[in-house]
C-alpha atoms as a PDB file:
ATOM      1  CA  VAL A   1      99.437 111.157 102.238  1.00  0.00           C
ATOM      2  CA  ARG A   2     103.204 111.389 102.681  1.00  0.00           C
ATOM      3  CA  ILE A   3     105.385 108.397 101.854  1.00  0.00           C
ATOM      4  CA  LEU A   4     108.927 108.744 103.153  1.00  0.00           C
ATOM      5  CA  LEU A   5     111.572 106.707 101.354  1.00  0.00           C
ATOM      6  CA  CYS A   6     115.097 106.884 102.737  1.00  0.00           C
ATOM      7  CA  PRO A   7     117.991 104.405 102.964  1.00  0.00           C
ATOM      8  CA  LEU A   8     118.972 103.344 106.462  1.00  0.00           C
ATOM      9  CA  PRO A   9     122.556 103.923 107.647  1.00  0.00           C
ATOM     10  CA  ASN A  10     124.764 100.835 107.658  1.00  0.00           C
ATOM     11  CA  PHE A  11     124.832 100.559 111.451  1.00  0.00           C
ATOM     12  CA  MET A  12     121.000 100.309 111.464  1.00  0.00           C
ATOM     13  CA  LEU A  13     121.063  97.659 108.755  1.00  0.00           C
ATOM     14  CA  ASP A  14     123.629  95.700 110.776  1.00  0.00           C
ATOM     15  CA  CYS A  15     121.385  95.898 113.861  1.00  0.00           C
ATOM     16  CA  ILE A  16     118.459  94.529 111.880  1.00  0.00           C
ATOM     17  CA  LYS A  17     120.503  91.814 110.189  1.00  0.00           C
ATOM     18  CA  ASN A  18     121.989  90.542 113.440  1.00  0.00           C
ATOM     19  CA  SER A  19     118.870  90.774 115.596  1.00  0.00           C
ATOM     20  CA  ASP A  20     116.446  87.963 116.344  1.00  0.00           C
ATOM     21  CA  SER A  21     114.011  90.310 118.121  1.00  0.00           C
ATOM     22  CA  SER A  22     112.228  93.605 117.413  1.00  0.00           C
ATOM     23  CA  VAL A  23     114.375  96.681 116.718  1.00  0.00           C
ATOM     24  CA  CYS A  24     113.064 100.281 116.809  1.00  0.00           C
ATOM     25  CA  PHE A  25     114.666 103.543 115.665  1.00  0.00           C
ATOM     26  CA  GLU A  26     113.546 107.112 116.281  1.00  0.00           C
ATOM     27  CA  PHE A  27     113.942 109.740 113.548  1.00  0.00           C
ATOM     28  CA  GLU A  28     113.645 113.521 113.745  1.00  0.00           C
ATOM     29  CA  LEU A  29     112.502 115.359 110.603  1.00  0.00           C
ATOM     30  CA  GLN A  30     113.998 118.770 110.039  1.00  0.00           C
ATOM     31  CA  SER A  31     113.628 121.356 107.272  1.00  0.00           C
ATOM     32  CA  GLU A  32     116.626 121.838 104.965  1.00  0.00           C
ATOM     33  CA  LYS A  33     115.920 125.602 104.909  1.00  0.00           C
ATOM     34  CA  PHE A  34     116.401 125.983 108.653  1.00  0.00           C
ATOM     35  CA  GLU A  35     119.452 123.986 109.602  1.00  0.00           C
ATOM     36  CA  TYR A  36     119.374 124.881 113.305  1.00  0.00           C
ATOM     37  CA  ALA A  37     115.600 124.879 113.773  1.00  0.00           C
ATOM     38  CA  SER A  38     113.869 122.420 116.070  1.00  0.00           C
ATOM     39  CA  PRO A  39     112.628 119.182 114.434  1.00  0.00           C
ATOM     40  CA  PHE A  40     109.043 119.538 113.188  1.00  0.00           C
ATOM     41  CA  ALA A  41     108.202 115.843 113.511  1.00  0.00           C
ATOM     42  CA  THR A  42     109.460 112.675 115.148  1.00  0.00           C
ATOM     43  CA  LEU A  43     108.976 109.250 113.600  1.00  0.00           C
ATOM     44  CA  VAL A  44     109.484 105.849 115.170  1.00  0.00           C
ATOM     45  CA  ALA A  45     110.249 102.934 112.842  1.00  0.00           C
ATOM     46  CA  CYS A  46     110.293  99.373 114.104  1.00  0.00           C
ATOM     47  CA  TYR A  47     111.457  96.155 112.494  1.00  0.00           C
ATOM     48  CA  GLU A  48     110.198  92.773 113.627  1.00  0.00           C
ATOM     49  CA  PRO A  49     111.973  89.686 112.235  1.00  0.00           C
ATOM     50  CA  PRO A  50     109.497  87.406 110.460  1.00  0.00           C
ATOM     51  CA  LYS A  51     108.672  84.184 112.257  1.00  0.00           C
ATOM     52  CA  ARG A  52     108.199  82.595 108.862  1.00  0.00           C
ATOM     53  CA  LYS A  53     108.311  83.616 105.211  1.00  0.00           C
ATOM     54  CA  TYR A  54     105.135  83.104 103.199  1.00  0.00           C
ATOM     55  CA  LEU A  55     105.090  82.622  99.454  1.00  0.00           C
ATOM     56  CA  LEU A  56     101.711  84.300  98.932  1.00  0.00           C
ATOM     57  CA  THR A  57      99.580  86.396 101.293  1.00  0.00           C
ATOM     58  CA  MET A  58      96.558  88.638 100.804  1.00  0.00           C
ATOM     59  CA  CYS A  59      95.944  92.181 102.035  1.00  0.00           C
ATOM     60  CA  SER A  60      92.517  93.830 102.237  1.00  0.00           C
ATOM     61  CA  GLN A  61      91.502  97.447 101.918  1.00  0.00           C
ATOM     62  CA  PRO A  62      90.308  99.045 105.219  1.00  0.00           C
ATOM     63  CA  ILE A  63      87.192  97.001 106.052  1.00  0.00           C
ATOM     64  CA  THR A  64      84.019  98.447 107.581  1.00  0.00           C
ATOM     65  CA  PRO A  65      81.649  96.365 109.767  1.00  0.00           C
ATOM     66  CA  HIS A  66      78.853  96.026 107.185  1.00  0.00           C
ATOM     67  CA  ILE A  67      80.922  93.530 105.137  1.00  0.00           C
ATOM     68  CA  TRP A  68      82.393  91.500 108.009  1.00  0.00           C
ATOM     69  CA  LYS A  69      79.833  88.735 107.424  1.00  0.00           C
ATOM     70  CA  ASP A  70      81.421  88.013 104.028  1.00  0.00           C
ATOM     71  CA  ILE A  71      84.989  87.671 105.340  1.00  0.00           C
ATOM     72  CA  PRO A  72      84.894  83.983 106.447  1.00  0.00           C
ATOM     73  CA  GLU A  73      83.794  82.823 102.984  1.00  0.00           C
ATOM     74  CA  TRP A  74      86.393  85.056 101.296  1.00  0.00           C
ATOM     75  CA  ILE A  75      89.138  83.650 103.525  1.00  0.00           C
ATOM     76  CA  ALA A  76      88.067  80.004 103.114  1.00  0.00           C
ATOM     77  CA  TYR A  77      87.813  80.348  99.329  1.00  0.00           C
ATOM     78  CA  HIS A  78      91.250  81.897  98.851  1.00  0.00           C
ATOM     79  CA  GLN A  79      92.938  79.700 101.416  1.00  0.00           C
ATOM     80  CA  HIS A  80      91.773  76.744  99.332  1.00  0.00           C
ATOM     81  CA  LEU A  81      93.472  78.345  96.304  1.00  0.00           C
ATOM     82  CA  GLY A  82      96.776  78.779  98.140  1.00  0.00           C
ATOM     83  CA  ILE A  83      96.726  82.067 100.078  1.00  0.00           C
ATOM     84  CA  GLU A  84      98.724  81.339 103.234  1.00  0.00           C
ATOM     85  CA  HIS A  85      97.934  84.351 105.409  1.00  0.00           C
ATOM     86  CA  PHE A  86      95.547  87.332 105.405  1.00  0.00           C
ATOM     87  CA  TYR A  87      96.397  90.876 106.487  1.00  0.00           C
ATOM     88  CA  LEU A  88      93.092  92.600 107.211  1.00  0.00           C
ATOM     89  CA  TYR A  89      92.976  96.364 107.697  1.00  0.00           C
ATOM     90  CA  ALA A  90      90.188  97.468 110.059  1.00  0.00           C
ATOM     91  CA  ALA A  91      88.727 100.921 109.423  1.00  0.00           C
ATOM     92  CA  ASN A  92      88.324 103.547 112.135  1.00  0.00           C
ATOM     93  CA  ASN A  93      89.067 101.885 115.468  1.00  0.00           C
ATOM     94  CA  THR A  94      87.144  98.688 114.702  1.00  0.00           C
ATOM     95  CA  ASP A  95      90.219  96.455 114.974  1.00  0.00           C
ATOM     96  CA  LYS A  96      89.354  95.060 118.425  1.00  0.00           C
ATOM     97  CA  LYS A  97      85.806  94.150 117.410  1.00  0.00           C
ATOM     98  CA  LEU A  98      87.028  92.632 114.138  1.00  0.00           C
ATOM     99  CA  ALA A  99      89.627  90.632 116.083  1.00  0.00           C
ATOM    100  CA  GLU A 100      86.871  89.268 118.301  1.00  0.00           C
ATOM    101  CA  PHE A 101      84.755  88.388 115.241  1.00  0.00           C
ATOM    102  CA  LEU A 102      87.698  86.519 113.670  1.00  0.00           C
ATOM    103  CA  LYS A 103      89.167  85.181 116.906  1.00  0.00           C
ATOM    104  CA  SER A 104      89.380  81.561 115.733  1.00  0.00           C
ATOM    105  CA  TYR A 105      91.211  82.588 112.537  1.00  0.00           C
ATOM    106  CA  ILE A 106      93.731  84.654 114.503  1.00  0.00           C
ATOM    107  CA  GLU A 107      94.354  81.836 116.986  1.00  0.00           C
ATOM    108  CA  LYS A 108      95.071  79.497 114.072  1.00  0.00           C
ATOM    109  CA  GLY A 109      97.628  81.932 112.680  1.00  0.00           C
ATOM    110  CA  MET A 110      95.638  82.607 109.507  1.00  0.00           C
ATOM    111  CA  VAL A 111      94.829  86.295 110.027  1.00  0.00           C
ATOM    112  CA  SER A 112      96.604  89.444 111.227  1.00  0.00           C
ATOM    113  CA  ILE A 113      94.625  92.632 111.870  1.00  0.00           C
ATOM    114  CA  GLN A 114      95.923  96.174 111.491  1.00  0.00           C
ATOM    115  CA  SER A 115      93.973  99.272 112.553  1.00  0.00           C
ATOM    116  CA  TRP A 116      93.669 102.008 109.920  1.00  0.00           C
ATOM    117  CA  MET A 117      92.076 105.429 110.392  1.00  0.00           C
ATOM    118  CA  SER A 118      90.177 107.599 107.913  1.00  0.00           C
ATOM    119  CA  GLN A 119      91.668 110.850 106.660  1.00  0.00           C
ATOM    120  CA  SER A 120      88.501 112.954 106.877  1.00  0.00           C
ATOM    121  CA  TRP A 121      90.250 116.153 105.792  1.00  0.00           C
ATOM    122  CA  ILE A 122      91.105 114.677 102.383  1.00  0.00           C
ATOM    123  CA  GLY A 123      88.618 115.092  99.502  1.00  0.00           C
ATOM    124  CA  ASP A 124      88.639 111.537  98.082  1.00  0.00           C
ATOM    125  CA  GLU A 125      89.000 110.020 101.540  1.00  0.00           C
ATOM    126  CA  VAL A 126      87.995 106.398 100.768  1.00  0.00           C
ATOM    127  CA  HIS A 127      90.340 106.154  97.785  1.00  0.00           C
ATOM    128  CA  VAL A 128      93.283 107.677  99.662  1.00  0.00           C
ATOM    129  CA  ARG A 129      92.623 105.480 102.704  1.00  0.00           C
ATOM    130  CA  GLN A 130      92.891 102.383 100.515  1.00  0.00           C
ATOM    131  CA  ILE A 131      96.096 103.524  98.803  1.00  0.00           C
ATOM    132  CA  SER A 132      97.772 104.463 102.082  1.00  0.00           C
ATOM    133  CA  ALA A 133      96.805 101.124 103.658  1.00  0.00           C
ATOM    134  CA  GLN A 134      98.196  99.166 100.701  1.00  0.00           C
ATOM    135  CA  ASN A 135     101.520 100.995 100.846  1.00  0.00           C
ATOM    136  CA  ASP A 136     101.668 100.402 104.583  1.00  0.00           C
ATOM    137  CA  CYS A 137     101.039  96.706 103.948  1.00  0.00           C
ATOM    138  CA  ILE A 138     103.946  96.486 101.507  1.00  0.00           C
ATOM    139  CA  TYR A 139     106.475  98.019 103.880  1.00  0.00           C
ATOM    140  CA  ARG A 140     105.068  96.454 107.054  1.00  0.00           C
ATOM    141  CA  TYR A 141     104.998  92.891 105.698  1.00  0.00           C
ATOM    142  CA  LYS A 142     107.498  92.825 102.823  1.00  0.00           C
ATOM    143  CA  ASP A 143     109.889  90.638 104.857  1.00  0.00           C
ATOM    144  CA  PHE A 144     107.073  88.207 105.637  1.00  0.00           C
ATOM    145  CA  SER A 145     105.877  87.434 102.113  1.00  0.00           C
ATOM    146  CA  THR A 146     107.361  87.007  98.635  1.00  0.00           C
ATOM    147  CA  TRP A 147     104.047  88.027  97.014  1.00  0.00           C
ATOM    148  CA  ILE A 148     101.173  90.098  98.464  1.00  0.00           C
ATOM    149  CA  ALA A 149      97.759  90.035  96.759  1.00  0.00           C
ATOM    150  CA  PHE A 150      95.655  93.214  97.005  1.00  0.00           C
ATOM    151  CA  PHE A 151      91.937  92.445  96.764  1.00  0.00           C
ATOM    152  CA  ASP A 152      88.652  93.653  98.224  1.00  0.00           C
ATOM    153  CA  VAL A 153      86.353  91.290 100.111  1.00  0.00           C
ATOM    154  CA  ASP A 154      83.933  91.198  97.141  1.00  0.00           C
ATOM    155  CA  GLU A 155      86.679  90.105  94.697  1.00  0.00           C
ATOM    156  CA  TYR A 156      87.435  86.419  94.130  1.00  0.00           C
ATOM    157  CA  LEU A 157      90.213  84.891  92.046  1.00  0.00           C
ATOM    158  CA  TYR A 158      89.039  82.331  89.507  1.00  0.00           C
ATOM    159  CA  SER A 159      90.826  80.034  87.065  1.00  0.00           C
ATOM    160  CA  GLU A 160      88.969  78.227  84.283  1.00  0.00           C
ATOM    161  CA  LYS A 161      92.042  76.021  83.854  1.00  0.00           C
ATOM    162  CA  GLU A 162      92.247  75.375  87.608  1.00  0.00           C
ATOM    163  CA  VAL A 163      95.735  76.850  87.798  1.00  0.00           C
ATOM    164  CA  GLY A 164      97.083  76.786  91.357  1.00  0.00           C
ATOM    165  CA  LEU A 165      98.188  80.160  92.709  1.00  0.00           C
ATOM    166  CA  HIS A 166     101.480  78.755  94.022  1.00  0.00           C
ATOM    167  CA  ASP A 167     102.233  77.275  90.605  1.00  0.00           C
ATOM    168  CA  LEU A 168     101.365  80.620  89.020  1.00  0.00           C
ATOM    169  CA  VAL A 169     103.694  82.768  91.130  1.00  0.00           C
ATOM    170  CA  LYS A 170     106.488  80.193  91.006  1.00  0.00           C
ATOM    171  CA  SER A 171     106.401  80.426  87.206  1.00  0.00           C
ATOM    172  CA  TYR A 172     107.399  84.105  87.614  1.00  0.00           C
ATOM    173  CA  GLU A 173     109.872  83.440  90.419  1.00  0.00           C
ATOM    174  CA  ASN A 174     112.906  84.623  88.477  1.00  0.00           C
ATOM    175  CA  ARG A 175     111.221  87.530  86.695  1.00  0.00           C
ATOM    176  CA  VAL A 176     112.095  91.070  87.740  1.00  0.00           C
ATOM    177  CA  THR A 177     108.585  92.497  88.092  1.00  0.00           C
ATOM    178  CA  SER A 178     106.653  94.544  90.627  1.00  0.00           C
ATOM    179  CA  GLY A 179     103.570  92.365  90.215  1.00  0.00           C
ATOM    180  CA  LEU A 180     101.027  90.335  88.252  1.00  0.00           C
ATOM    181  CA  GLN A 181      97.816  92.012  87.043  1.00  0.00           C
ATOM    182  CA  PHE A 182      94.454  90.274  86.615  1.00  0.00           C
ATOM    183  CA  LYS A 183      91.409  91.445  84.661  1.00  0.00           C
ATOM    184  CA  SER A 184      87.981  91.656  86.295  1.00  0.00           C
ATOM    185  CA  VAL A 185      84.519  90.519  85.297  1.00  0.00           C
ATOM    186  CA  PHE A 186      81.546  91.924  87.221  1.00  0.00           C
ATOM    187  CA  PHE A 187      78.622  89.878  88.519  1.00  0.00           C
ATOM    188  CA  GLN A 188      75.025  90.862  89.280  1.00  0.00           C
ATOM    189  CA  ARG A 189      73.143  89.606  92.309  1.00  0.00           C
ATOM    190  CA  ASP A 190      70.566  86.871  91.663  1.00  0.00           C
ATOM    191  CA  GLU A 191      67.858  86.979  94.324  1.00  0.00           C
ATOM    192  CA  LYS A 192      66.971  83.304  93.742  1.00  0.00           C
ATOM    193  CA  ALA A 193      70.419  82.016  94.524  1.00  0.00           C
ATOM    194  CA  GLY A 194      71.767  80.477  97.745  1.00  0.00           C
ATOM    195  CA  ARG A 195      73.444  81.828 100.823  1.00  0.00           C
ATOM    196  CA  LEU A 196      77.100  82.095  99.700  1.00  0.00           C
ATOM    197  CA  VAL A 197      78.433  85.166  97.922  1.00  0.00           C
ATOM    198  CA  ILE A 198      79.548  83.081  94.935  1.00  0.00           C
ATOM    199  CA  GLU A 199      76.011  81.634  94.764  1.00  0.00           C
ATOM    200  CA  ASN A 200      74.209  84.945  95.219  1.00  0.00           C
ATOM    201  CA  TYR A 201      75.919  86.494  92.199  1.00  0.00           C
ATOM    202  CA  SER A 202      75.383  84.308  89.145  1.00  0.00           C
ATOM    203  CA  ARG A 203      74.840  86.699  86.212  1.00  0.00           C
ATOM    204  CA  SER A 204      78.026  88.202  84.797  1.00  0.00           C
ATOM    205  CA  ALA A 205      78.968  90.862  82.273  1.00  0.00           C
ATOM    206  CA  LYS A 206      80.703  89.515  79.191  1.00  0.00           C
ATOM    207  CA  VAL A 207      83.212  92.342  79.010  1.00  0.00           C
ATOM    208  CA  LEU A 208      86.391  92.033  81.051  1.00  0.00           C
ATOM    209  CA  GLN A 209      87.378  95.282  82.751  1.00  0.00           C
ATOM    210  CA  ASP A 210      90.935  96.223  81.790  1.00  0.00           C
ATOM    211  CA  SER A 211      90.731  99.415  83.855  1.00  0.00           C
ATOM    212  CA  ARG A 212      89.627  97.575  87.012  1.00  0.00           C
ATOM    213  CA  GLN A 213      92.563  95.207  87.312  1.00  0.00           C
ATOM    214  CA  LYS A 214      93.881  94.053  90.663  1.00  0.00           C
ATOM    215  CA  TYR A 215      97.207  92.418  91.286  1.00  0.00           C
ATOM    216  CA  PHE A 216      99.763  90.385  93.175  1.00  0.00           C
ATOM    217  CA  CYS A 217     102.579  92.656  94.318  1.00  0.00           C
ATOM    218  CA  LYS A 218     106.197  91.588  94.603  1.00  0.00           C
ATOM    219  CA  PRO A 219     107.483  93.882  97.406  1.00  0.00           C
ATOM    220  CA  LYS A 220     111.119  93.247  96.492  1.00  0.00           C
ATOM    221  CA  TYR A 221     110.640  95.246  93.282  1.00  0.00           C
ATOM    222  CA  THR A 222     107.948  97.709  94.423  1.00  0.00           C
ATOM    223  CA  LYS A 223     108.351 101.124  96.029  1.00  0.00           C
ATOM    224  CA  ILE A 224     104.887 102.711  95.772  1.00  0.00           C
ATOM    225  CA  THR A 225     101.557 101.191  94.816  1.00  0.00           C
ATOM    226  CA  SER A 226      98.027 102.325  93.986  1.00  0.00           C
ATOM    227  CA  VAL A 227      94.621 100.597  93.946  1.00  0.00           C
ATOM    228  CA  HIS A 228      94.945  98.933  90.541  1.00  0.00           C
ATOM    229  CA  MET A 229      98.689  98.879  89.884  1.00  0.00           C
ATOM    230  CA  THR A 230     102.129  99.655  91.237  1.00  0.00           C
ATOM    231  CA  THR A 231     103.094 103.254  90.482  1.00  0.00           C
ATOM    232  CA  LEU A 232     106.810 103.132  91.278  1.00  0.00           C
ATOM    233  CA  GLY A 233     108.846 100.013  90.724  1.00  0.00           C
ATOM    234  CA  GLU A 234     109.586  97.467  88.030  1.00  0.00           C
ATOM    235  CA  GLU A 235     107.152  96.815  85.172  1.00  0.00           C
ATOM    236  CA  MET A 236     104.052  94.723  85.891  1.00  0.00           C
ATOM    237  CA  ILE A 237     103.017  91.599  83.975  1.00  0.00           C
ATOM    238  CA  SER A 238      99.432  91.105  82.770  1.00  0.00           C
ATOM    239  CA  VAL A 239      98.117  87.563  83.252  1.00  0.00           C
ATOM    240  CA  GLU A 240      95.808  86.154  80.561  1.00  0.00           C
ATOM    241  CA  GLU A 241      92.197  85.960  81.727  1.00  0.00           C
ATOM    242  CA  SER A 242      92.016  82.335  80.577  1.00  0.00           C
ATOM    243  CA  VAL A 243      94.672  81.531  83.190  1.00  0.00           C
ATOM    244  CA  VAL A 244      93.386  83.551  86.173  1.00  0.00           C
ATOM    245  CA  ARG A 245      90.853  86.364  86.391  1.00  0.00           C
ATOM    246  CA  ILE A 246      88.897  88.198  89.106  1.00  0.00           C
ATOM    247  CA  ASN A 247      85.189  87.596  89.681  1.00  0.00           C
ATOM    248  CA  HIS A 248      83.932  90.852  91.176  1.00  0.00           C
ATOM    249  CA  TYR A 249      80.693  90.292  93.100  1.00  0.00           C
ATOM    250  CA  ARG A 250      79.836  93.955  93.429  1.00  0.00           C
ATOM    251  CA  ALA A 251      76.671  95.057  95.218  1.00  0.00           C
ATOM    252  CA  GLY A 252      74.467  97.283  93.055  1.00  0.00           C
ATOM    253  CA  PHE A 253      76.053  96.227  89.761  1.00  0.00           C
ATOM    254  CA  LYS A 254      73.599  95.352  86.996  1.00  0.00           C
ATOM    255  CA  VAL A 255      74.214  93.387  83.818  1.00  0.00           C
ATOM    256  CA  SER A 256      72.660  95.110  80.799  1.00  0.00           C
ATOM    257  CA  ARG A 257      70.462  93.153  78.402  1.00  0.00           C
ATOM    258  CA  SER A 258      73.069  93.505  75.656  1.00  0.00           C
ATOM    259  CA  GLU A 259      75.504  91.565  77.873  1.00  0.00           C
END
């Protein structure tokens, strides 16, 4: 994965600032060692002015069809908590079928879908695919949202104190931070439970997973991010689990008797 960070010339910034429609620029990449050589790659970067600015949105990892059935519940649950829009990344040319599956959500302006391809030549392909999609999400939608939450479809935010997500992020509004981190607790499937994901997984581990944290990202102060944290940007803030935590309803996870 190559992430290219470069400041735009002032004339480009002026074009973006003064435009009320999409603006695209074409870049040619050239090796410093061969000043007069032909460009070895051409990139096209486009900027689309946001129609509105959200306070808090949510971005998924690249989603495969076998978990599509769980998306409506995941969306409804987090929309109730205060997530205003969902950016869903569709794995391997499934974006059109996913768009058809979520047609009503798209028509209501709740969901945007972005196609994302696998990198089959990379060893840890799934992990890299998720990281690359998250970094794309930051730069693609940073002008559309003050905070972007990065969660999988089997991860649900939960507050014992019933803290609203808008109230939570507003309390950090003036803090210079790249994001808020939340600890996870894993749940085991209960075959006797009901039809919803949050009903099907009722037995939980007692130990909170510090190493499996997920987070809200503040794009303004973030340059590069990974699965569980930002890796280049301002320092992150860890949120107490009594305020907000993640309930991770992970298929195949088992709670040991000691827990």
